[in-house]
Amino acid sequence: MAYERGFERKMHKVVCAECGVETEVPFKPDGSRPVYCRECYQKHRPKRY
């Protein structure tokens, strides 16, 4: 994934804490919080008003 200034974001493979599917995230999880795939994250994210 390339960005405007030519930097490439390092992606990290993880397993979704809810459904178990393997996915990639743009940060290195430290194990202190669950990590979700895109679909499960949508279910867990705070509601915007």
N, C-alpha and C. Protein backbone atom coordinates (compact mmCIF):
# COMPACT_ATOMS: atom_id res chain seq x y z
N MET A 1 0.86 -1.18 0.00
CA MET A 1 0.00 0.00 0.00
C MET A 1 0.90 1.24 0.00
N ALA A 2 0.94 1.95 -1.05
CA ALA A 2 1.80 3.12 -1.18
C ALA A 2 1.02 4.40 -0.86
N TYR A 3 1.71 5.37 -0.34
CA TYR A 3 1.09 6.64 0.01
C TYR A 3 1.76 7.76 -0.80
N GLU A 4 1.20 8.95 -0.72
CA GLU A 4 1.65 10.08 -1.53
C GLU A 4 3.15 10.35 -1.46
N ARG A 5 3.72 10.29 -0.30
CA ARG A 5 5.13 10.66 -0.15
C ARG A 5 6.07 9.48 -0.41
N GLY A 6 5.53 8.37 -0.91
CA GLY A 6 6.37 7.24 -1.24
C GLY A 6 6.62 6.29 -0.09
N PHE A 7 5.98 6.50 1.05
CA PHE A 7 6.15 5.61 2.18
C PHE A 7 5.21 4.42 2.04
N GLU A 8 5.68 3.28 2.44
CA GLU A 8 4.85 2.09 2.41
C GLU A 8 4.53 1.71 3.86
N ARG A 9 3.26 1.47 4.15
CA ARG A 9 2.83 1.12 5.49
C ARG A 9 3.04 -0.37 5.71
N LYS A 10 3.72 -0.73 6.80
CA LYS A 10 3.94 -2.14 7.13
C LYS A 10 2.66 -2.71 7.71
N MET A 11 2.22 -3.81 7.14
CA MET A 11 1.01 -4.48 7.60
C MET A 11 1.41 -5.70 8.42
N HIS A 12 0.61 -5.99 9.45
CA HIS A 12 0.88 -7.12 10.35
C HIS A 12 -0.28 -8.10 10.29
N LYS A 13 0.05 -9.37 10.11
CA LYS A 13 -0.98 -10.41 10.06
C LYS A 13 -1.46 -10.73 11.47
N VAL A 14 -2.78 -10.78 11.61
CA VAL A 14 -3.40 -11.11 12.90
C VAL A 14 -4.61 -12.00 12.64
N VAL A 15 -5.11 -12.59 13.72
CA VAL A 15 -6.33 -13.39 13.66
C VAL A 15 -7.41 -12.61 14.40
N CYS A 16 -8.56 -12.43 13.77
CA CYS A 16 -9.66 -11.68 14.37
C CYS A 16 -10.07 -12.33 15.69
N ALA A 17 -10.23 -11.53 16.72
CA ALA A 17 -10.60 -12.01 18.05
C ALA A 17 -12.03 -12.53 18.10
N GLU A 18 -12.86 -12.17 17.13
CA GLU A 18 -14.25 -12.61 17.16
C GLU A 18 -14.52 -13.80 16.23
N CYS A 19 -14.17 -13.66 14.96
CA CYS A 19 -14.55 -14.71 14.00
C CYS A 19 -13.41 -15.65 13.64
N GLY A 20 -12.16 -15.29 13.99
CA GLY A 20 -11.03 -16.17 13.75
C GLY A 20 -10.41 -16.10 12.37
N VAL A 21 -10.88 -15.19 11.52
CA VAL A 21 -10.33 -15.07 10.18
C VAL A 21 -8.98 -14.34 10.24
N GLU A 22 -8.04 -14.75 9.37
CA GLU A 22 -6.75 -14.07 9.32
C GLU A 22 -6.90 -12.79 8.51
N THR A 23 -6.34 -11.70 9.02
CA THR A 23 -6.44 -10.41 8.35
C THR A 23 -5.15 -9.64 8.59
N GLU A 24 -5.03 -8.45 8.03
CA GLU A 24 -3.86 -7.60 8.22
C GLU A 24 -4.29 -6.26 8.78
N VAL A 25 -3.46 -5.72 9.67
CA VAL A 25 -3.73 -4.41 10.25
C VAL A 25 -2.48 -3.54 10.10
N PRO A 26 -2.66 -2.20 10.04
CA PRO A 26 -1.51 -1.30 9.81
C PRO A 26 -0.77 -0.91 11.10
N PHE A 27 -0.89 -1.72 12.15
CA PHE A 27 -0.19 -1.46 13.41
C PHE A 27 0.23 -2.79 14.00
N LYS A 28 1.21 -2.76 14.89
CA LYS A 28 1.67 -3.99 15.53
C LYS A 28 0.91 -4.15 16.84
N PRO A 29 0.02 -5.13 16.92
CA PRO A 29 -0.76 -5.34 18.15
C PRO A 29 0.17 -5.72 19.31
N ASP A 30 -0.14 -5.18 20.49
CA ASP A 30 0.70 -5.49 21.65
C ASP A 30 0.06 -6.53 22.57
N GLY A 31 -1.12 -7.02 22.20
CA GLY A 31 -1.77 -8.06 22.99
C GLY A 31 -2.64 -7.56 24.12
N SER A 32 -2.67 -6.25 24.33
CA SER A 32 -3.45 -5.71 25.45
C SER A 32 -4.93 -5.53 25.10
N ARG A 33 -5.25 -5.52 23.81
CA ARG A 33 -6.64 -5.36 23.37
C ARG A 33 -6.92 -6.32 22.22
N PRO A 34 -8.18 -6.71 22.05
CA PRO A 34 -8.51 -7.59 20.93
C PRO A 34 -8.38 -6.85 19.60
N VAL A 35 -8.07 -7.60 18.56
CA VAL A 35 -7.96 -7.04 17.21
C VAL A 35 -9.02 -7.74 16.36
N TYR A 36 -9.77 -6.96 15.58
CA TYR A 36 -10.86 -7.48 14.78
C TYR A 36 -10.61 -7.29 13.29
N CYS A 37 -11.22 -8.15 12.47
CA CYS A 37 -11.21 -7.94 11.03
C CYS A 37 -12.14 -6.76 10.73
N ARG A 38 -12.17 -6.33 9.49
CA ARG A 38 -12.97 -5.16 9.11
C ARG A 38 -14.45 -5.34 9.45
N GLU A 39 -15.00 -6.51 9.14
CA GLU A 39 -16.43 -6.74 9.37
C GLU A 39 -16.77 -6.74 10.86
N CYS A 40 -15.97 -7.43 11.66
CA CYS A 40 -16.23 -7.49 13.10
C CYS A 40 -15.98 -6.15 13.78
N TYR A 41 -14.99 -5.40 13.29
CA TYR A 41 -14.72 -4.08 13.85
C TYR A 41 -15.95 -3.18 13.71
N GLN A 42 -16.64 -3.28 12.58
CA GLN A 42 -17.82 -2.44 12.37
C GLN A 42 -18.88 -2.72 13.43
N LYS A 43 -18.96 -3.95 13.91
CA LYS A 43 -19.93 -4.30 14.96
C LYS A 43 -19.53 -3.76 16.32
N HIS A 44 -18.22 -3.59 16.55
CA HIS A 44 -17.72 -3.20 17.87
C HIS A 44 -17.39 -1.72 18.03
N ARG A 45 -17.32 -0.99 16.92
CA ARG A 45 -16.90 0.40 17.02
C ARG A 45 -17.98 1.25 17.70
N PRO A 46 -17.56 2.30 18.39
CA PRO A 46 -18.54 3.17 19.06
C PRO A 46 -19.49 3.81 18.06
N LYS A 47 -20.71 3.98 18.45
CA LYS A 47 -21.72 4.62 17.59
C LYS A 47 -21.44 6.11 17.51
N ARG A 48 -21.59 6.66 16.31
CA ARG A 48 -21.45 8.13 16.13
C ARG A 48 -22.83 8.75 16.11
N TYR A 49 -22.95 9.86 16.77
CA TYR A 49 -24.26 10.53 16.83
C TYR A 49 -24.27 11.79 16.02
